[in-house]
Amino acid sequence: MAIHDITVSLREGMTIYPGDPPFTREVVSTVAEGCALSKLQLGAHTGTHVDALAHMVEGGSTIDAIPPDVLVGPAVVVEVTHPRRITREELTTHHWDGVERVLFRTGNAGSLGRSFREDYVYLDEEAARFLAEKKVKLVGVDYLSVDPPGSQNHPTHMALFNAGIVIIEGLNLSHVSPGRYELICAPLKVKDGEGAPARVFLRDL
């Protein structure tokens, strides 16, 4: 069974959401000095990452409280054709029986290695409410936010969070075909964290 790494590599100069801390890596020592050791500095929402409820809600549940059985299990990769947003109308054309985890492959695919794009494809609020109605547990997108660019009140985040849906952002789905897979998502277990970078894989079924 093939395993697909759908994680964005952490590197200096990588795409970040405006206002987030940049990723830096500082060499502390080398093998010649005894061992290779480096210091990393990054935001909790750098690259491929998981959002916890505490990201938007004061006192909300944290990243270390997300049940592992939500982060691991069957998932569907859905190809989105709308050039600007994921809509309820488009979602109704897909089958949702038994779907608990969905990852959206959009026109964003492959663009996370470039400068931040203001016209990224996002998940609109009504589509988020549709997924809540379908009892989806986890939603993943291939850019750095599920919300529209520049959103202040985060309607899509809140529609998902209010339904208890876990969010993965910053996935690299450019090399993955639509279909059914097993998802394996492992965010860093940061005590009381509002989010954390994650290593994420899809395994062919």
C-alpha atoms as a PDB file:
ATOM      1  CA  MET A   1       0.000   0.000   0.000  1.00  0.00           C
ATOM      2  CA  ALA A   2       1.368   3.391  -1.018  1.00  0.00           C
ATOM      3  CA  ILE A   3       1.780   6.053   1.653  1.00  0.00           C
ATOM      4  CA  HIS A   4       1.485   9.697   0.603  1.00  0.00           C
ATOM      5  CA  ASP A   5       3.151  12.408   2.669  1.00  0.00           C
ATOM      6  CA  ILE A   6       0.810  15.415   2.443  1.00  0.00           C
ATOM      7  CA  THR A   7       2.841  17.604   4.792  1.00  0.00           C
ATOM      8  CA  VAL A   8       4.480  20.875   3.751  1.00  0.00           C
ATOM      9  CA  SER A   9       8.210  20.910   4.556  1.00  0.00           C
ATOM     10  CA  LEU A  10       9.291  23.474   7.157  1.00  0.00           C
ATOM     11  CA  ARG A  11      11.929  25.787   5.730  1.00  0.00           C
ATOM     12  CA  GLU A  12      13.062  29.371   5.971  1.00  0.00           C
ATOM     13  CA  GLY A  13      11.170  31.619   3.569  1.00  0.00           C
ATOM     14  CA  MET A  14       8.141  29.295   3.465  1.00  0.00           C
ATOM     15  CA  THR A  15       4.640  30.679   2.964  1.00  0.00           C
ATOM     16  CA  ILE A  16       2.997  31.862   6.189  1.00  0.00           C
ATOM     17  CA  TYR A  17      -0.309  33.517   6.933  1.00  0.00           C
ATOM     18  CA  PRO A  18       0.209  37.315   7.192  1.00  0.00           C
ATOM     19  CA  GLY A  19       1.052  38.268  10.778  1.00  0.00           C
ATOM     20  CA  ASP A  20       2.252  34.798  11.785  1.00  0.00           C
ATOM     21  CA  PRO A  21       5.848  34.347  12.996  1.00  0.00           C
ATOM     22  CA  PRO A  22       8.216  33.210  10.233  1.00  0.00           C
ATOM     23  CA  PHE A  23       9.982  29.863  10.423  1.00  0.00           C
ATOM     24  CA  THR A  24      13.680  30.052  11.304  1.00  0.00           C
ATOM     25  CA  ARG A  25      16.301  27.369  11.918  1.00  0.00           C
ATOM     26  CA  GLU A  26      19.548  28.252  13.693  1.00  0.00           C
ATOM     27  CA  VAL A  27      22.498  25.862  13.857  1.00  0.00           C
ATOM     28  CA  VAL A  28      23.604  25.623  17.489  1.00  0.00           C
ATOM     29  CA  SER A  29      26.362  23.054  16.979  1.00  0.00           C
ATOM     30  CA  THR A  30      27.719  20.756  14.275  1.00  0.00           C
ATOM     31  CA  VAL A  31      28.827  17.129  14.173  1.00  0.00           C
ATOM     32  CA  ALA A  32      32.425  18.381  14.219  1.00  0.00           C
ATOM     33  CA  GLU A  33      31.637  20.040  17.547  1.00  0.00           C
ATOM     34  CA  GLY A  34      30.209  16.864  19.050  1.00  0.00           C
ATOM     35  CA  CYS A  35      26.732  16.576  17.547  1.00  0.00           C
ATOM     36  CA  ALA A  36      24.441  18.415  15.155  1.00  0.00           C
ATOM     37  CA  LEU A  37      21.896  20.525  17.023  1.00  0.00           C
ATOM     38  CA  SER A  38      19.597  23.238  15.764  1.00  0.00           C
ATOM     39  CA  LYS A  39      17.101  25.665  17.244  1.00  0.00           C
ATOM     40  CA  LEU A  40      13.715  26.066  15.571  1.00  0.00           C
ATOM     41  CA  GLN A  41      11.422  29.069  15.869  1.00  0.00           C
ATOM     42  CA  LEU A  42       7.927  28.994  14.382  1.00  0.00           C
ATOM     43  CA  GLY A  43       4.287  29.770  15.021  1.00  0.00           C
ATOM     44  CA  ALA A  44       1.831  27.115  16.124  1.00  0.00           C
ATOM     45  CA  HIS A  45       0.018  27.520  12.789  1.00  0.00           C
ATOM     46  CA  THR A  46       3.056  27.224  10.526  1.00  0.00           C
ATOM     47  CA  GLY A  47       2.839  25.016   7.449  1.00  0.00           C
ATOM     48  CA  THR A  48       0.675  21.910   7.835  1.00  0.00           C
ATOM     49  CA  HIS A  49      -1.064  22.300  11.192  1.00  0.00           C
ATOM     50  CA  VAL A  50      -4.117  21.445  13.259  1.00  0.00           C
ATOM     51  CA  ASP A  51      -6.408  24.069  14.798  1.00  0.00           C
ATOM     52  CA  ALA A  52      -7.954  23.385  18.197  1.00  0.00           C
ATOM     53  CA  LEU A  53     -11.078  25.128  19.528  1.00  0.00           C
ATOM     54  CA  ALA A  54      -8.867  27.273  21.777  1.00  0.00           C
ATOM     55  CA  HIS A  55      -7.595  28.978  18.606  1.00  0.00           C
ATOM     56  CA  MET A  56     -10.841  30.975  18.397  1.00  0.00           C
ATOM     57  CA  VAL A  57     -12.726  30.371  21.650  1.00  0.00           C
ATOM     58  CA  GLU A  58     -11.562  31.544  25.082  1.00  0.00           C
ATOM     59  CA  GLY A  59     -11.316  28.485  27.315  1.00  0.00           C
ATOM     60  CA  GLY A  60     -11.911  26.123  24.384  1.00  0.00           C
ATOM     61  CA  SER A  61     -10.416  22.648  24.168  1.00  0.00           C
ATOM     62  CA  THR A  62      -6.725  22.492  23.339  1.00  0.00           C
ATOM     63  CA  ILE A  63      -4.576  20.585  20.868  1.00  0.00           C
ATOM     64  CA  ASP A  64      -3.480  17.994  23.431  1.00  0.00           C
ATOM     65  CA  ALA A  65      -7.124  17.130  24.127  1.00  0.00           C
ATOM     66  CA  ILE A  66      -8.047  16.101  20.565  1.00  0.00           C
ATOM     67  CA  PRO A  67      -8.882  12.364  20.605  1.00  0.00           C
ATOM     68  CA  PRO A  68      -6.448  10.336  18.458  1.00  0.00           C
ATOM     69  CA  ASP A  69      -9.339   8.430  16.869  1.00  0.00           C
ATOM     70  CA  VAL A  70     -10.466  11.674  15.217  1.00  0.00           C
ATOM     71  CA  LEU A  71      -7.017  12.227  13.700  1.00  0.00           C
ATOM     72  CA  VAL A  72      -6.587   8.672  12.373  1.00  0.00           C
ATOM     73  CA  GLY A  73      -9.059   6.788  10.220  1.00  0.00           C
ATOM     74  CA  PRO A  74     -10.811   6.618   6.830  1.00  0.00           C
ATOM     75  CA  ALA A  75     -10.853   9.879   4.864  1.00  0.00           C
ATOM     76  CA  VAL A  76     -12.024  11.133   1.485  1.00  0.00           C
ATOM     77  CA  VAL A  77     -10.098  13.526  -0.760  1.00  0.00           C
ATOM     78  CA  VAL A  78     -12.587  15.647  -2.707  1.00  0.00           C
ATOM     79  CA  GLU A  79     -11.616  17.625  -5.818  1.00  0.00           C
ATOM     80  CA  VAL A  80     -13.199  21.091  -5.864  1.00  0.00           C
ATOM     81  CA  THR A  81     -13.939  22.762  -9.202  1.00  0.00           C
ATOM     82  CA  HIS A  82     -15.114  26.202  -8.040  1.00  0.00           C
ATOM     83  CA  PRO A  83     -12.239  28.662  -8.634  1.00  0.00           C
ATOM     84  CA  ARG A  84     -12.796  30.789  -5.495  1.00  0.00           C
ATOM     85  CA  ARG A  85     -14.553  28.851  -2.758  1.00  0.00           C
ATOM     86  CA  ILE A  86     -15.927  25.508  -1.610  1.00  0.00           C
ATOM     87  CA  THR A  87     -19.711  25.855  -1.673  1.00  0.00           C
ATOM     88  CA  ARG A  88     -22.673  23.961  -0.254  1.00  0.00           C
ATOM     89  CA  GLU A  89     -23.959  23.532  -3.805  1.00  0.00           C
ATOM     90  CA  GLU A  90     -20.827  21.729  -4.924  1.00  0.00           C
ATOM     91  CA  LEU A  91     -20.744  19.549  -1.805  1.00  0.00           C
ATOM     92  CA  THR A  92     -24.271  18.308  -2.497  1.00  0.00           C
ATOM     93  CA  THR A  93     -22.986  16.654  -5.686  1.00  0.00           C
ATOM     94  CA  HIS A  94     -20.854  14.240  -3.620  1.00  0.00           C
ATOM     95  CA  HIS A  95     -21.871  11.200  -1.548  1.00  0.00           C
ATOM     96  CA  TRP A  96     -21.491  11.717   2.231  1.00  0.00           C
ATOM     97  CA  ASP A  97     -22.811   8.479   3.709  1.00  0.00           C
ATOM     98  CA  GLY A  98     -20.247   7.253   6.234  1.00  0.00           C
ATOM     99  CA  VAL A  99     -17.759  10.078   5.544  1.00  0.00           C
ATOM    100  CA  GLU A 100     -16.149  11.256   8.793  1.00  0.00           C
ATOM    101  CA  ARG A 101     -13.014  12.973   7.467  1.00  0.00           C
ATOM    102  CA  VAL A 102     -12.729  15.040   4.301  1.00  0.00           C
ATOM    103  CA  LEU A 103      -9.744  16.759   2.688  1.00  0.00           C
ATOM    104  CA  PHE A 104     -10.314  19.292  -0.083  1.00  0.00           C
ATOM    105  CA  ARG A 105      -8.015  19.441  -3.116  1.00  0.00           C
ATOM    106  CA  THR A 106      -8.578  22.809  -4.798  1.00  0.00           C
ATOM    107  CA  GLY A 107      -6.954  25.311  -7.125  1.00  0.00           C
ATOM    108  CA  ASN A 108      -4.589  26.015  -4.224  1.00  0.00           C
ATOM    109  CA  ALA A 109      -2.785  22.725  -4.857  1.00  0.00           C
ATOM    110  CA  GLY A 110       0.952  23.239  -5.164  1.00  0.00           C
ATOM    111  CA  SER A 111       0.897  26.958  -4.329  1.00  0.00           C
ATOM    112  CA  LEU A 112       2.182  26.816  -0.728  1.00  0.00           C
ATOM    113  CA  GLY A 113       5.792  27.051  -1.881  1.00  0.00           C
ATOM    114  CA  ARG A 114       5.218  30.535  -3.285  1.00  0.00           C
ATOM    115  CA  SER A 115       4.395  33.932  -1.815  1.00  0.00           C
ATOM    116  CA  PHE A 116       1.094  34.251   0.063  1.00  0.00           C
ATOM    117  CA  ARG A 117      -1.840  34.343  -2.342  1.00  0.00           C
ATOM    118  CA  GLU A 118      -4.736  36.655  -1.541  1.00  0.00           C
ATOM    119  CA  ASP A 119      -7.091  34.735  -3.829  1.00  0.00           C
ATOM    120  CA  TYR A 120      -6.804  31.284  -2.260  1.00  0.00           C
ATOM    121  CA  VAL A 121      -9.783  28.944  -2.429  1.00  0.00           C
ATOM    122  CA  TYR A 122     -11.581  28.829   0.934  1.00  0.00           C
ATOM    123  CA  LEU A 123     -14.473  26.959   2.545  1.00  0.00           C
ATOM    124  CA  ASP A 124     -17.532  29.171   2.793  1.00  0.00           C
ATOM    125  CA  GLU A 125     -19.728  29.280   5.889  1.00  0.00           C
ATOM    126  CA  GLU A 126     -22.691  27.472   4.336  1.00  0.00           C
ATOM    127  CA  ALA A 127     -20.441  24.657   3.150  1.00  0.00           C
ATOM    128  CA  ALA A 128     -19.088  24.367   6.708  1.00  0.00           C
ATOM    129  CA  ARG A 129     -22.646  24.124   8.033  1.00  0.00           C
ATOM    130  CA  PHE A 130     -23.393  21.421   5.457  1.00  0.00           C
ATOM    131  CA  LEU A 131     -20.426  19.374   6.713  1.00  0.00           C
ATOM    132  CA  ALA A 132     -21.677  19.814  10.270  1.00  0.00           C
ATOM    133  CA  GLU A 133     -25.095  18.508   9.201  1.00  0.00           C
ATOM    134  CA  LYS A 134     -23.372  15.461   7.706  1.00  0.00           C
ATOM    135  CA  LYS A 135     -21.641  14.766  11.063  1.00  0.00           C
ATOM    136  CA  VAL A 136     -18.132  15.080   9.617  1.00  0.00           C
ATOM    137  CA  LYS A 137     -15.455  14.927  12.358  1.00  0.00           C
ATOM    138  CA  LEU A 138     -12.474  16.452  10.538  1.00  0.00           C
ATOM    139  CA  VAL A 139     -11.961  18.843   7.628  1.00  0.00           C
ATOM    140  CA  GLY A 140      -8.650  19.515   5.866  1.00  0.00           C
ATOM    141  CA  VAL A 141      -7.778  22.188   3.311  1.00  0.00           C
ATOM    142  CA  ASP A 142      -4.798  22.812   1.049  1.00  0.00           C
ATOM    143  CA  TYR A 143      -4.113  26.395   2.115  1.00  0.00           C
ATOM    144  CA  LEU A 144      -3.453  28.221   5.379  1.00  0.00           C
ATOM    145  CA  SER A 145      -7.026  29.021   6.382  1.00  0.00           C
ATOM    146  CA  VAL A 146     -10.504  27.610   5.917  1.00  0.00           C
ATOM    147  CA  ASP A 147     -11.870  31.182   6.099  1.00  0.00           C
ATOM    148  CA  PRO A 148     -11.956  33.816   3.342  1.00  0.00           C
ATOM    149  CA  PRO A 149      -8.855  35.992   2.955  1.00  0.00           C
ATOM    150  CA  GLY A 150      -8.793  38.821   5.492  1.00  0.00           C
ATOM    151  CA  SER A 151     -11.744  37.453   7.490  1.00  0.00           C
ATOM    152  CA  GLN A 152     -12.129  39.175  10.873  1.00  0.00           C
ATOM    153  CA  ASN A 153     -14.913  37.194  12.547  1.00  0.00           C
ATOM    154  CA  HIS A 154     -13.846  33.758  11.187  1.00  0.00           C
ATOM    155  CA  PRO A 155     -17.323  32.441  10.238  1.00  0.00           C
ATOM    156  CA  THR A 156     -16.071  29.195   8.718  1.00  0.00           C
ATOM    157  CA  HIS A 157     -13.807  28.341  11.654  1.00  0.00           C
ATOM    158  CA  MET A 158     -16.681  29.002  14.047  1.00  0.00           C
ATOM    159  CA  ALA A 159     -19.219  26.959  12.068  1.00  0.00           C
ATOM    160  CA  LEU A 160     -16.831  23.991  12.162  1.00  0.00           C
ATOM    161  CA  PHE A 161     -15.731  24.489  15.762  1.00  0.00           C
ATOM    162  CA  ASN A 162     -19.325  24.828  16.983  1.00  0.00           C
ATOM    163  CA  ALA A 163     -19.972  21.384  15.501  1.00  0.00           C
ATOM    164  CA  GLY A 164     -16.870  19.902  17.155  1.00  0.00           C
ATOM    165  CA  ILE A 165     -15.055  19.495  13.826  1.00  0.00           C
ATOM    166  CA  VAL A 166     -11.242  19.378  13.878  1.00  0.00           C
ATOM    167  CA  ILE A 167      -9.489  21.507  11.232  1.00  0.00           C
ATOM    168  CA  ILE A 168      -6.265  20.729   9.359  1.00  0.00           C
ATOM    169  CA  GLU A 169      -4.806  23.570   7.281  1.00  0.00           C
ATOM    170  CA  GLY A 170      -1.815  23.804   4.962  1.00  0.00           C
ATOM    171  CA  LEU A 171      -2.018  20.336   3.409  1.00  0.00           C
ATOM    172  CA  ASN A 172      -0.072  19.466   0.260  1.00  0.00           C
ATOM    173  CA  LEU A 173      -2.525  17.525  -1.872  1.00  0.00           C
ATOM    174  CA  SER A 174      -0.982  18.401  -5.241  1.00  0.00           C
ATOM    175  CA  HIS A 175       0.193  14.808  -5.836  1.00  0.00           C
ATOM    176  CA  VAL A 176      -2.875  13.014  -4.449  1.00  0.00           C
ATOM    177  CA  SER A 177      -5.857  11.892  -6.514  1.00  0.00           C
ATOM    178  CA  PRO A 178      -9.452  12.221  -5.298  1.00  0.00           C
ATOM    179  CA  GLY A 179     -10.684   9.116  -3.541  1.00  0.00           C
ATOM    180  CA  ARG A 180     -10.723   7.178  -0.294  1.00  0.00           C
ATOM    181  CA  TYR A 181      -7.679   6.745   1.946  1.00  0.00           C
ATOM    182  CA  GLU A 182      -6.639   6.176   5.533  1.00  0.00           C
ATOM    183  CA  LEU A 183      -5.621   9.454   7.206  1.00  0.00           C
ATOM    184  CA  ILE A 184      -2.820   9.578   9.777  1.00  0.00           C
ATOM    185  CA  CYS A 185      -2.424  13.027  11.341  1.00  0.00           C
ATOM    186  CA  ALA A 186      -0.004  13.620  14.229  1.00  0.00           C
ATOM    187  CA  PRO A 187       0.097  17.183  15.576  1.00  0.00           C
ATOM    188  CA  LEU A 188       2.721  18.055  18.168  1.00  0.00           C
ATOM    189  CA  LYS A 189       1.262  17.433  21.633  1.00  0.00           C
ATOM    190  CA  VAL A 190       1.611  20.960  23.014  1.00  0.00           C
ATOM    191  CA  LYS A 191       0.112  21.252  26.492  1.00  0.00           C
ATOM    192  CA  ASP A 192      -2.729  23.807  26.433  1.00  0.00           C
ATOM    193  CA  GLY A 193      -1.851  24.708  22.827  1.00  0.00           C
ATOM    194  CA  GLU A 194      -4.382  26.359  20.529  1.00  0.00           C
ATOM    195  CA  GLY A 195      -2.839  24.576  17.550  1.00  0.00           C
ATOM    196  CA  ALA A 196       0.285  22.771  16.428  1.00  0.00           C
ATOM    197  CA  PRO A 197       2.265  21.802  13.333  1.00  0.00           C
ATOM    198  CA  ALA A 198       1.545  18.243  12.211  1.00  0.00           C
ATOM    199  CA  ARG A 199       2.967  15.450  10.071  1.00  0.00           C
ATOM    200  CA  VAL A 200       0.151  14.067   7.937  1.00  0.00           C
ATOM    201  CA  PHE A 201      -0.015  10.971   5.715  1.00  0.00           C
ATOM    202  CA  LEU A 202      -2.589   9.268   3.514  1.00  0.00           C
ATOM    203  CA  ARG A 203      -2.389   5.529   2.993  1.00  0.00           C
ATOM    204  CA  ASP A 204      -4.037   3.797   0.048  1.00  0.00           C
ATOM    205  CA  LEU A 205      -6.872   1.479   1.040  1.00  0.00           C
END
